[in-house]
Amino acid sequence: MEILFVILLSAAFGLAMRYLVRTARDTYGAALLPSVSVAVSVIVWVALLWGLNWQFDGTWIWVAALVVGPLVALAIAIVLPGKRQAADKELLTRLSGVKAQPARA
């Protein structure tokens, strides 16, 4: 039952990361950050619960699971737009056969 709470809270924190990091949100989908946050939080939760035998009603398992997942989502929200824009520019250059010019506003 507790893992359901981890999933819901981590998804909410991941969704909040999407709106806290305001740069280039159009380079990734709306469900990416909550999904990454949930996946990492669940992996941390299970690893600590089964691997290190932490108790599910302890404070530190909750802190670890609900901090690591959103932090990974935050890192992705910061790093991914730059990588995506560079990859898109490289693909445009390769497909057009000429050097891509930056868009002028």
PDB file of N, CA and C in Angstrom:
ATOM      1  N   MET A   1       0.813  -1.197   0.000  1.00  0.00           N
ATOM      2  CA  MET A   1       0.000   0.000   0.000  1.00  0.00           C
ATOM      3  C   MET A   1       0.858   1.263   0.000  1.00  0.00           C
ATOM      4  N   GLU A   2       1.973   1.207   0.734  1.00  0.00           N
ATOM      5  CA  GLU A   2       2.832   2.385   0.840  1.00  0.00           C
ATOM      6  C   GLU A   2       3.442   2.762  -0.501  1.00  0.00           C
ATOM      7  N   ILE A   3       3.718   1.759  -1.329  1.00  0.00           N
ATOM      8  CA  ILE A   3       4.323   2.058  -2.629  1.00  0.00           C
ATOM      9  C   ILE A   3       3.370   2.870  -3.502  1.00  0.00           C
ATOM     10  N   LEU A   4       2.076   2.711  -3.291  1.00  0.00           N
ATOM     11  CA  LEU A   4       1.097   3.523  -4.019  1.00  0.00           C
ATOM     12  C   LEU A   4       1.248   5.000  -3.643  1.00  0.00           C
ATOM     13  N   PHE A   5       1.477   5.267  -2.362  1.00  0.00           N
ATOM     14  CA  PHE A   5       1.697   6.641  -1.931  1.00  0.00           C
ATOM     15  C   PHE A   5       2.996   7.203  -2.503  1.00  0.00           C
ATOM     16  N   VAL A   6       4.023   6.358  -2.577  1.00  0.00           N
ATOM     17  CA  VAL A   6       5.289   6.781  -3.179  1.00  0.00           C
ATOM     18  C   VAL A   6       5.061   7.147  -4.641  1.00  0.00           C
ATOM     19  N   ILE A   7       4.307   6.333  -5.348  1.00  0.00           N
ATOM     20  CA  ILE A   7       4.026   6.582  -6.764  1.00  0.00           C
ATOM     21  C   ILE A   7       3.266   7.898  -6.940  1.00  0.00           C
ATOM     22  N   LEU A   8       2.227   8.090  -6.168  1.00  0.00           N
ATOM     23  CA  LEU A   8       1.411   9.302  -6.313  1.00  0.00           C
ATOM     24  C   LEU A   8       2.177  10.569  -5.932  1.00  0.00           C
ATOM     25  N   LEU A   9       2.889  10.523  -4.826  1.00  0.00           N
ATOM     26  CA  LEU A   9       3.642  11.705  -4.401  1.00  0.00           C
ATOM     27  C   LEU A   9       4.785  12.012  -5.370  1.00  0.00           C
ATOM     28  N   SER A  10       5.463  10.989  -5.822  1.00  0.00           N
ATOM     29  CA  SER A  10       6.564  11.195  -6.747  1.00  0.00           C
ATOM     30  C   SER A  10       6.071  11.733  -8.092  1.00  0.00           C
ATOM     31  N   ALA A  11       4.930  11.259  -8.548  1.00  0.00           N
ATOM     32  CA  ALA A  11       4.357  11.789  -9.789  1.00  0.00           C
ATOM     33  C   ALA A  11       3.983  13.268  -9.624  1.00  0.00           C
ATOM     34  N   ALA A  12       3.446  13.617  -8.478  1.00  0.00           N
ATOM     35  CA  ALA A  12       3.102  15.024  -8.232  1.00  0.00           C
ATOM     36  C   ALA A  12       4.353  15.889  -8.191  1.00  0.00           C
ATOM     37  N   PHE A  13       5.407  15.407  -7.542  1.00  0.00           N
ATOM     38  CA  PHE A  13       6.658  16.172  -7.491  1.00  0.00           C
ATOM     39  C   PHE A  13       7.285  16.279  -8.878  1.00  0.00           C
ATOM     40  N   GLY A  14       7.225  15.204  -9.659  1.00  0.00           N
ATOM     41  CA  GLY A  14       7.754  15.244 -11.024  1.00  0.00           C
ATOM     42  C   GLY A  14       6.983  16.208 -11.899  1.00  0.00           C
ATOM     43  N   LEU A  15       5.681  16.246 -11.730  1.00  0.00           N
ATOM     44  CA  LEU A  15       4.866  17.198 -12.481  1.00  0.00           C
ATOM     45  C   LEU A  15       5.198  18.630 -12.063  1.00  0.00           C
ATOM     46  N   ALA A  16       5.459  18.835 -10.796  1.00  0.00           N
ATOM     47  CA  ALA A  16       5.849  20.169 -10.328  1.00  0.00           C
ATOM     48  C   ALA A  16       7.173  20.598 -10.949  1.00  0.00           C
ATOM     49  N   MET A  17       8.080  19.647 -11.159  1.00  0.00           N
ATOM     50  CA  MET A  17       9.365  19.980 -11.788  1.00  0.00           C
ATOM     51  C   MET A  17       9.171  20.543 -13.185  1.00  0.00           C
ATOM     52  N   ARG A  18       8.173  20.054 -13.881  1.00  0.00           N
ATOM     53  CA  ARG A  18       7.907  20.557 -15.232  1.00  0.00           C
ATOM     54  C   ARG A  18       7.599  22.045 -15.219  1.00  0.00           C
ATOM     55  N   TYR A  19       6.922  22.497 -14.193  1.00  0.00           N
ATOM     56  CA  TYR A  19       6.522  23.896 -14.136  1.00  0.00           C
ATOM     57  C   TYR A  19       7.503  24.765 -13.346  1.00  0.00           C
ATOM     58  N   LEU A  20       8.377  24.148 -12.575  1.00  0.00           N
ATOM     59  CA  LEU A  20       9.416  24.922 -11.897  1.00  0.00           C
ATOM     60  C   LEU A  20      10.555  25.284 -12.844  1.00  0.00           C
ATOM     61  N   VAL A  21      10.887  24.359 -13.746  1.00  0.00           N
ATOM     62  CA  VAL A  21      11.929  24.621 -14.738  1.00  0.00           C
ATOM     63  C   VAL A  21      11.212  25.104 -15.994  1.00  0.00           C
ATOM     64  N   ARG A  22      11.289  26.379 -16.260  1.00  0.00           N
ATOM     65  CA  ARG A  22      10.469  26.983 -17.300  1.00  0.00           C
ATOM     66  C   ARG A  22      11.134  27.021 -18.668  1.00  0.00           C
ATOM     67  N   THR A  23      12.365  26.555 -18.782  1.00  0.00           N
ATOM     68  CA  THR A  23      13.087  26.671 -20.049  1.00  0.00           C
ATOM     69  C   THR A  23      12.768  25.509 -20.974  1.00  0.00           C
ATOM     70  N   ALA A  24      12.378  25.838 -22.179  1.00  0.00           N
ATOM     71  CA  ALA A  24      12.209  24.886 -23.295  1.00  0.00           C
ATOM     72  C   ALA A  24      11.364  23.673 -22.940  1.00  0.00           C
ATOM     73  N   ARG A  25      10.203  23.922 -22.354  1.00  0.00           N
ATOM     74  CA  ARG A  25       9.300  22.814 -22.043  1.00  0.00           C
ATOM     75  C   ARG A  25       8.769  22.123 -23.287  1.00  0.00           C
ATOM     76  N   ASP A  26       8.855  22.790 -24.429  1.00  0.00           N
ATOM     77  CA  ASP A  26       8.323  22.207 -25.652  1.00  0.00           C
ATOM     78  C   ASP A  26       9.238  21.129 -26.242  1.00  0.00           C
ATOM     79  N   THR A  27      10.388  20.871 -25.629  1.00  0.00           N
ATOM     80  CA  THR A  27      11.303  19.867 -26.166  1.00  0.00           C
ATOM     81  C   THR A  27      11.068  18.480 -25.590  1.00  0.00           C
ATOM     82  N   TYR A  28      10.162  18.352 -24.642  1.00  0.00           N
ATOM     83  CA  TYR A  28       9.826  17.038 -24.104  1.00  0.00           C
ATOM     84  C   TYR A  28       8.353  17.021 -23.719  1.00  0.00           C
ATOM     85  N   GLY A  29       7.796  15.844 -23.611  1.00  0.00           N
ATOM     86  CA  GLY A  29       6.376  15.690 -23.351  1.00  0.00           C
ATOM     87  C   GLY A  29       5.998  15.968 -21.907  1.00  0.00           C
ATOM     88  N   ALA A  30       4.720  16.128 -21.687  1.00  0.00           N
ATOM     89  CA  ALA A  30       4.211  16.471 -20.361  1.00  0.00           C
ATOM     90  C   ALA A  30       4.345  15.326 -19.366  1.00  0.00           C
ATOM     91  N   ALA A  31       4.393  14.103 -19.847  1.00  0.00           N
ATOM     92  CA  ALA A  31       4.447  12.956 -18.946  1.00  0.00           C
ATOM     93  C   ALA A  31       5.862  12.465 -18.666  1.00  0.00           C
ATOM     94  N   LEU A  32       6.870  13.044 -19.313  1.00  0.00           N
ATOM     95  CA  LEU A  32       8.233  12.538 -19.142  1.00  0.00           C
ATOM     96  C   LEU A  32       8.737  12.700 -17.716  1.00  0.00           C
ATOM     97  N   LEU A  33       8.685  13.890 -17.180  1.00  0.00           N
ATOM     98  CA  LEU A  33       9.245  14.130 -15.850  1.00  0.00           C
ATOM     99  C   LEU A  33       8.502  13.382 -14.744  1.00  0.00           C
ATOM    100  N   PRO A  34       7.158  13.364 -14.747  1.00  0.00           N
ATOM    101  CA  PRO A  34       6.497  12.540 -13.730  1.00  0.00           C
ATOM    102  C   PRO A  34       6.820  11.050 -13.866  1.00  0.00           C
ATOM    103  N   SER A  35       6.942  10.574 -15.090  1.00  0.00           N
ATOM    104  CA  SER A  35       7.263   9.159 -15.300  1.00  0.00           C
ATOM    105  C   SER A  35       8.655   8.816 -14.793  1.00  0.00           C
ATOM    106  N   VAL A  36       9.616   9.659 -15.105  1.00  0.00           N
ATOM    107  CA  VAL A  36      10.987   9.435 -14.634  1.00  0.00           C
ATOM    108  C   VAL A  36      11.037   9.506 -13.117  1.00  0.00           C
ATOM    109  N   SER A  37      10.373  10.479 -12.550  1.00  0.00           N
ATOM    110  CA  SER A  37      10.353  10.626 -11.100  1.00  0.00           C
ATOM    111  C   SER A  37       9.757   9.394 -10.422  1.00  0.00           C
ATOM    112  N   VAL A  38       8.662   8.889 -10.952  1.00  0.00           N
ATOM    113  CA  VAL A  38       8.029   7.691 -10.385  1.00  0.00           C
ATOM    114  C   VAL A  38       8.939   6.486 -10.531  1.00  0.00           C
ATOM    115  N   ALA A  39       9.509   6.283 -11.705  1.00  0.00           N
ATOM    116  CA  ALA A  39      10.360   5.114 -11.934  1.00  0.00           C
ATOM    117  C   ALA A  39      11.557   5.107 -10.986  1.00  0.00           C
ATOM    118  N   VAL A  40      12.231   6.227 -10.851  1.00  0.00           N
ATOM    119  CA  VAL A  40      13.409   6.297  -9.982  1.00  0.00           C
ATOM    120  C   VAL A  40      13.004   6.139  -8.519  1.00  0.00           C
ATOM    121  N   SER A  41      11.924   6.778  -8.117  1.00  0.00           N
ATOM    122  CA  SER A  41      11.483   6.672  -6.727  1.00  0.00           C
ATOM    123  C   SER A  41      11.101   5.243  -6.360  1.00  0.00           C
ATOM    124  N   VAL A  42      10.425   4.556  -7.254  1.00  0.00           N
ATOM    125  CA  VAL A  42      10.035   3.170  -6.980  1.00  0.00           C
ATOM    126  C   VAL A  42      11.266   2.267  -6.917  1.00  0.00           C
ATOM    127  N   ILE A  43      12.230   2.495  -7.808  1.00  0.00           N
ATOM    128  CA  ILE A  43      13.457   1.693  -7.772  1.00  0.00           C
ATOM    129  C   ILE A  43      14.208   1.933  -6.465  1.00  0.00           C
ATOM    130  N   VAL A  44      14.310   3.180  -6.034  1.00  0.00           N
ATOM    131  CA  VAL A  44      14.973   3.489  -4.764  1.00  0.00           C
ATOM    132  C   VAL A  44      14.221   2.857  -3.603  1.00  0.00           C
ATOM    133  N   TRP A  45      12.902   2.977  -3.612  1.00  0.00           N
ATOM    134  CA  TRP A  45      12.072   2.411  -2.536  1.00  0.00           C
ATOM    135  C   TRP A  45      12.276   0.910  -2.418  1.00  0.00           C
ATOM    136  N   VAL A  46      12.185   0.221  -3.537  1.00  0.00           N
ATOM    137  CA  VAL A  46      12.317  -1.239  -3.515  1.00  0.00           C
ATOM    138  C   VAL A  46      13.740  -1.652  -3.140  1.00  0.00           C
ATOM    139  N   ALA A  47      14.734  -0.930  -3.660  1.00  0.00           N
ATOM    140  CA  ALA A  47      16.121  -1.259  -3.319  1.00  0.00           C
ATOM    141  C   ALA A  47      16.382  -1.091  -1.826  1.00  0.00           C
ATOM    142  N   LEU A  48      15.861  -0.026  -1.253  1.00  0.00           N
ATOM    143  CA  LEU A  48      16.058   0.188   0.178  1.00  0.00           C
ATOM    144  C   LEU A  48      15.243  -0.789   1.024  1.00  0.00           C
ATOM    145  N   LEU A  49      14.050  -1.104   0.570  1.00  0.00           N
ATOM    146  CA  LEU A  49      13.177  -2.000   1.322  1.00  0.00           C
ATOM    147  C   LEU A  49      13.692  -3.433   1.281  1.00  0.00           C
ATOM    148  N   TRP A  50      14.021  -3.929   0.108  1.00  0.00           N
ATOM    149  CA  TRP A  50      14.445  -5.319  -0.030  1.00  0.00           C
ATOM    150  C   TRP A  50      15.949  -5.497   0.107  1.00  0.00           C
ATOM    151  N   GLY A  51      16.702  -4.566  -0.465  1.00  0.00           N
ATOM    152  CA  GLY A  51      18.147  -4.727  -0.461  1.00  0.00           C
ATOM    153  C   GLY A  51      18.800  -4.383   0.862  1.00  0.00           C
ATOM    154  N   LEU A  52      18.399  -3.296   1.463  1.00  0.00           N
ATOM    155  CA  LEU A  52      19.016  -2.849   2.716  1.00  0.00           C
ATOM    156  C   LEU A  52      18.142  -3.110   3.938  1.00  0.00           C
ATOM    157  N   ASN A  53      16.996  -3.704   3.725  1.00  0.00           N
ATOM    158  CA  ASN A  53      16.061  -4.066   4.811  1.00  0.00           C
ATOM    159  C   ASN A  53      15.618  -2.882   5.658  1.00  0.00           C
ATOM    160  N   TRP A  54      15.444  -1.725   4.994  1.00  0.00           N
ATOM    161  CA  TRP A  54      14.872  -0.594   5.702  1.00  0.00           C
ATOM    162  C   TRP A  54      13.386  -0.864   5.909  1.00  0.00           C
ATOM    163  N   GLN A  55      12.822  -0.299   6.941  1.00  0.00           N
ATOM    164  CA  GLN A  55      11.406  -0.498   7.229  1.00  0.00           C
ATOM    165  C   GLN A  55      10.563   0.503   6.454  1.00  0.00           C
ATOM    166  N   PHE A  56       9.414   0.047   5.956  1.00  0.00           N
ATOM    167  CA  PHE A  56       8.555   0.922   5.152  1.00  0.00           C
ATOM    168  C   PHE A  56       7.929   2.047   5.953  1.00  0.00           C
ATOM    169  N   ASP A  57       7.898   1.923   7.269  1.00  0.00           N
ATOM    170  CA  ASP A  57       7.325   2.985   8.086  1.00  0.00           C
ATOM    171  C   ASP A  57       8.395   3.897   8.689  1.00  0.00           C
ATOM    172  N   GLY A  58       9.633   3.745   8.235  1.00  0.00           N
ATOM    173  CA  GLY A  58      10.704   4.617   8.700  1.00  0.00           C
ATOM    174  C   GLY A  58      10.718   5.922   7.914  1.00  0.00           C
ATOM    175  N   THR A  59      11.292   6.925   8.500  1.00  0.00           N
ATOM    176  CA  THR A  59      11.324   8.246   7.874  1.00  0.00           C
ATOM    177  C   THR A  59      12.272   8.287   6.691  1.00  0.00           C
ATOM    178  N   TRP A  60      13.464   7.686   6.825  1.00  0.00           N
ATOM    179  CA  TRP A  60      14.510   7.872   5.832  1.00  0.00           C
ATOM    180  C   TRP A  60      14.218   7.185   4.507  1.00  0.00           C
ATOM    181  N   ILE A  61      13.456   6.124   4.504  1.00  0.00           N
ATOM    182  CA  ILE A  61      13.098   5.494   3.230  1.00  0.00           C
ATOM    183  C   ILE A  61      12.177   6.417   2.437  1.00  0.00           C
ATOM    184  N   TRP A  62      11.297   7.104   3.138  1.00  0.00           N
ATOM    185  CA  TRP A  62      10.405   8.064   2.478  1.00  0.00           C
ATOM    186  C   TRP A  62      11.192   9.252   1.942  1.00  0.00           C
ATOM    187  N   VAL A  63      12.091   9.768   2.756  1.00  0.00           N
ATOM    188  CA  VAL A  63      12.898  10.917   2.343  1.00  0.00           C
ATOM    189  C   VAL A  63      13.742  10.553   1.129  1.00  0.00           C
ATOM    190  N   ALA A  64      14.412   9.402   1.198  1.00  0.00           N
ATOM    191  CA  ALA A  64      15.283   8.989   0.094  1.00  0.00           C
ATOM    192  C   ALA A  64      14.494   8.804  -1.195  1.00  0.00           C
ATOM    193  N   ALA A  65      13.393   8.088  -1.123  1.00  0.00           N
ATOM    194  CA  ALA A  65      12.610   7.802  -2.332  1.00  0.00           C
ATOM    195  C   ALA A  65      11.976   9.056  -2.911  1.00  0.00           C
ATOM    196  N   LEU A  66      11.497   9.940  -2.053  1.00  0.00           N
ATOM    197  CA  LEU A  66      10.790  11.120  -2.544  1.00  0.00           C
ATOM    198  C   LEU A  66      11.700  12.309  -2.821  1.00  0.00           C
ATOM    199  N   VAL A  67      12.991  12.162  -2.584  1.00  0.00           N
ATOM    200  CA  VAL A  67      13.942  13.207  -2.946  1.00  0.00           C
ATOM    201  C   VAL A  67      14.719  12.808  -4.202  1.00  0.00           C
ATOM    202  N   VAL A  68      15.155  11.561  -4.268  1.00  0.00           N
ATOM    203  CA  VAL A  68      15.983  11.125  -5.398  1.00  0.00           C
ATOM    204  C   VAL A  68      15.203  11.169  -6.710  1.00  0.00           C
ATOM    205  N   GLY A  69      13.986  10.678  -6.727  1.00  0.00           N
ATOM    206  CA  GLY A  69      13.184  10.667  -7.954  1.00  0.00           C
ATOM    207  C   GLY A  69      12.970  12.053  -8.545  1.00  0.00           C
ATOM    208  N   PRO A  70      12.447  12.997  -7.787  1.00  0.00           N
ATOM    209  CA  PRO A  70      12.282  14.353  -8.321  1.00  0.00           C
ATOM    210  C   PRO A  70      13.604  15.039  -8.674  1.00  0.00           C
ATOM    211  N   LEU A  71      14.696  14.728  -7.970  1.00  0.00           N
ATOM    212  CA  LEU A  71      15.988  15.313  -8.337  1.00  0.00           C
ATOM    213  C   LEU A  71      16.470  14.807  -9.691  1.00  0.00           C
ATOM    214  N   VAL A  72      16.236  13.547  -9.971  1.00  0.00           N
ATOM    215  CA  VAL A  72      16.587  13.017 -11.298  1.00  0.00           C
ATOM    216  C   VAL A  72      15.709  13.677 -12.361  1.00  0.00           C
ATOM    217  N   ALA A  73      14.430  13.851 -12.064  1.00  0.00           N
ATOM    218  CA  ALA A  73      13.543  14.545 -13.004  1.00  0.00           C
ATOM    219  C   ALA A  73      13.995  15.981 -13.220  1.00  0.00           C
ATOM    220  N   LEU A  74      14.450  16.639 -12.173  1.00  0.00           N
ATOM    221  CA  LEU A  74      14.967  18.002 -12.294  1.00  0.00           C
ATOM    222  C   LEU A  74      16.213  18.033 -13.174  1.00  0.00           C
ATOM    223  N   ALA A  75      17.100  17.078 -12.984  1.00  0.00           N
ATOM    224  CA  ALA A  75      18.306  17.013 -13.810  1.00  0.00           C
ATOM    225  C   ALA A  75      17.953  16.803 -15.281  1.00  0.00           C
ATOM    226  N   ILE A  76      16.987  15.963 -15.544  1.00  0.00           N
ATOM    227  CA  ILE A  76      16.555  15.734 -16.926  1.00  0.00           C
ATOM    228  C   ILE A  76      15.928  16.997 -17.505  1.00  0.00           C
ATOM    229  N   ALA A  77      15.142  17.701 -16.707  1.00  0.00           N
ATOM    230  CA  ALA A  77      14.508  18.936 -17.187  1.00  0.00           C
ATOM    231  C   ALA A  77      15.535  20.010 -17.512  1.00  0.00           C
ATOM    232  N   ILE A  78      16.667  19.981 -16.851  1.00  0.00           N
ATOM    233  CA  ILE A  78      17.709  20.973 -17.106  1.00  0.00           C
ATOM    234  C   ILE A  78      18.583  20.571 -18.289  1.00  0.00           C
ATOM    235  N   VAL A  79      18.934  19.295 -18.391  1.00  0.00           N
ATOM    236  CA  VAL A  79      19.894  18.828 -19.391  1.00  0.00           C
ATOM    237  C   VAL A  79      19.239  18.529 -20.743  1.00  0.00           C
ATOM    238  N   LEU A  80      18.066  17.949 -20.724  1.00  0.00           N
ATOM    239  CA  LEU A  80      17.448  17.456 -21.962  1.00  0.00           C
ATOM    240  C   LEU A  80      17.183  18.523 -23.021  1.00  0.00           C
ATOM    241  N   PRO A  81      16.670  19.708 -22.696  1.00  0.00           N
ATOM    242  CA  PRO A  81      16.398  20.689 -23.757  1.00  0.00           C
ATOM    243  C   PRO A  81      17.617  21.064 -24.577  1.00  0.00           C
ATOM    244  N   GLY A  82      18.748  21.264 -23.944  1.00  0.00           N
ATOM    245  CA  GLY A  82      19.956  21.613 -24.683  1.00  0.00           C
ATOM    246  C   GLY A  82      20.398  20.488 -25.603  1.00  0.00           C
ATOM    247  N   LYS A  83      20.360  19.263 -25.097  1.00  0.00           N
ATOM    248  CA  LYS A  83      20.725  18.104 -25.920  1.00  0.00           C
ATOM    249  C   LYS A  83      19.750  17.941 -27.077  1.00  0.00           C
ATOM    250  N   ARG A  84      18.479  18.129 -26.808  1.00  0.00           N
ATOM    251  CA  ARG A  84      17.466  17.964 -27.849  1.00  0.00           C
ATOM    252  C   ARG A  84      17.612  19.024 -28.932  1.00  0.00           C
ATOM    253  N   GLN A  85      17.837  20.266 -28.545  1.00  0.00           N
ATOM    254  CA  GLN A  85      18.005  21.329 -29.527  1.00  0.00           C
ATOM    255  C   GLN A  85      19.258  21.120 -30.366  1.00  0.00           C
ATOM    256  N   ALA A  86      20.342  20.658 -29.744  1.00  0.00           N
ATOM    257  CA  ALA A  86      21.570  20.377 -30.495  1.00  0.00           C
ATOM    258  C   ALA A  86      21.360  19.220 -31.464  1.00  0.00           C
ATOM    259  N   ALA A  87      20.652  18.187 -31.028  1.00  0.00           N
ATOM    260  CA  ALA A  87      20.386  17.049 -31.904  1.00  0.00           C
ATOM    261  C   ALA A  87      19.470  17.457 -33.056  1.00  0.00           C
ATOM    262  N   ASP A  88      18.477  18.301 -32.783  1.00  0.00           N
ATOM    263  CA  ASP A  88      17.591  18.771 -33.850  1.00  0.00           C
ATOM    264  C   ASP A  88      18.346  19.623 -34.872  1.00  0.00           C
ATOM    265  N   LYS A  89      19.240  20.463 -34.390  1.00  0.00           N
ATOM    266  CA  LYS A  89      20.031  21.297 -35.294  1.00  0.00           C
ATOM    267  C   LYS A  89      20.950  20.431 -36.153  1.00  0.00           C
ATOM    268  N   GLU A  90      21.575  19.414 -35.557  1.00  0.00           N
ATOM    269  CA  GLU A  90      22.454  18.516 -36.295  1.00  0.00           C
ATOM    270  C   GLU A  90      21.665  17.730 -37.334  1.00  0.00           C
ATOM    271  N   LEU A  91      20.475  17.287 -36.996  1.00  0.00           N
ATOM    272  CA  LEU A  91      19.640  16.557 -37.946  1.00  0.00           C
ATOM    273  C   LEU A  91      19.208  17.453 -39.093  1.00  0.00           C
ATOM    274  N   LEU A  92      18.847  18.702 -38.797  1.00  0.00           N
ATOM    275  CA  LEU A  92      18.474  19.638 -39.855  1.00  0.00           C
ATOM    276  C   LEU A  92      19.651  19.880 -40.788  1.00  0.00           C
ATOM    277  N   THR A  93      20.829  20.032 -40.220  1.00  0.00           N
ATOM    278  CA  THR A  93      22.023  20.233 -41.033  1.00  0.00           C
ATOM    279  C   THR A  93      22.283  19.023 -41.922  1.00  0.00           C
ATOM    280  N   ARG A  94      22.167  17.843 -41.350  1.00  0.00           N
ATOM    281  CA  ARG A  94      22.427  16.620 -42.115  1.00  0.00           C
ATOM    282  C   ARG A  94      21.387  16.405 -43.201  1.00  0.00           C
ATOM    283  N   LEU A  95      20.142  16.676 -42.907  1.00  0.00           N
ATOM    284  CA  LEU A  95      19.087  16.450 -43.894  1.00  0.00           C
ATOM    285  C   LEU A  95      19.059  17.513 -44.987  1.00  0.00           C
ATOM    286  N   SER A  96      19.379  18.751 -44.638  1.00  0.00           N
ATOM    287  CA  SER A  96      19.315  19.816 -45.640  1.00  0.00           C
ATOM    288  C   SER A  96      20.600  19.918 -46.457  1.00  0.00           C
ATOM    289  N   GLY A  97      21.682  19.387 -45.936  1.00  0.00           N
ATOM    290  CA  GLY A  97      22.932  19.414 -46.677  1.00  0.00           C
ATOM    291  C   GLY A  97      23.653  20.750 -46.609  1.00  0.00           C
ATOM    292  N   VAL A  98      23.111  21.710 -45.894  1.00  0.00           N
ATOM    293  CA  VAL A  98      23.762  23.000 -45.723  1.00  0.00           C
ATOM    294  C   VAL A  98      23.806  23.324 -44.243  1.00  0.00           C
ATOM    295  N   LYS A  99      24.580  24.299 -43.926  1.00  0.00           N
ATOM    296  CA  LYS A  99      24.664  24.700 -42.525  1.00  0.00           C
ATOM    297  C   LYS A  99      23.346  25.373 -42.115  1.00  0.00           C
ATOM    298  N   ALA A 100      22.775  24.904 -41.031  1.00  0.00           N
ATOM    299  CA  ALA A 100      21.511  25.462 -40.549  1.00  0.00           C
ATOM    300  C   ALA A 100      21.746  26.845 -39.964  1.00  0.00           C
ATOM    301  N   GLN A 101      20.891  27.756 -40.307  1.00  0.00           N
ATOM    302  CA  GLN A 101      20.965  29.105 -39.784  1.00  0.00           C
ATOM    303  C   GLN A 101      20.015  29.208 -38.595  1.00  0.00           C
ATOM    304  N   PRO A 102      20.435  29.892 -37.547  1.00  0.00           N
ATOM    305  CA  PRO A 102      19.526  30.042 -36.397  1.00  0.00           C
ATOM    306  C   PRO A 102      18.313  30.888 -36.796  1.00  0.00           C
ATOM    307  N   ALA A 103      17.192  30.561 -36.199  1.00  0.00           N
ATOM    308  CA  ALA A 103      15.960  31.310 -36.487  1.00  0.00           C
ATOM    309  C   ALA A 103      16.089  32.721 -35.945  1.00  0.00           C
ATOM    310  N   ARG A 104      15.593  33.661 -36.705  1.00  0.00           N
ATOM    311  CA  ARG A 104      15.641  35.060 -36.259  1.00  0.00           C
ATOM    312  C   ARG A 104      14.266  35.465 -35.776  1.00  0.00           C
ATOM    313  N   ALA A 105      14.272  36.098 -34.635  1.00  0.00           N
ATOM    314  CA  ALA A 105      12.995  36.490 -34.040  1.00  0.00           C
ATOM    315  C   ALA A 105      12.532  37.821 -34.546  1.00  0.00           C
TER     316      ALA A 105
END
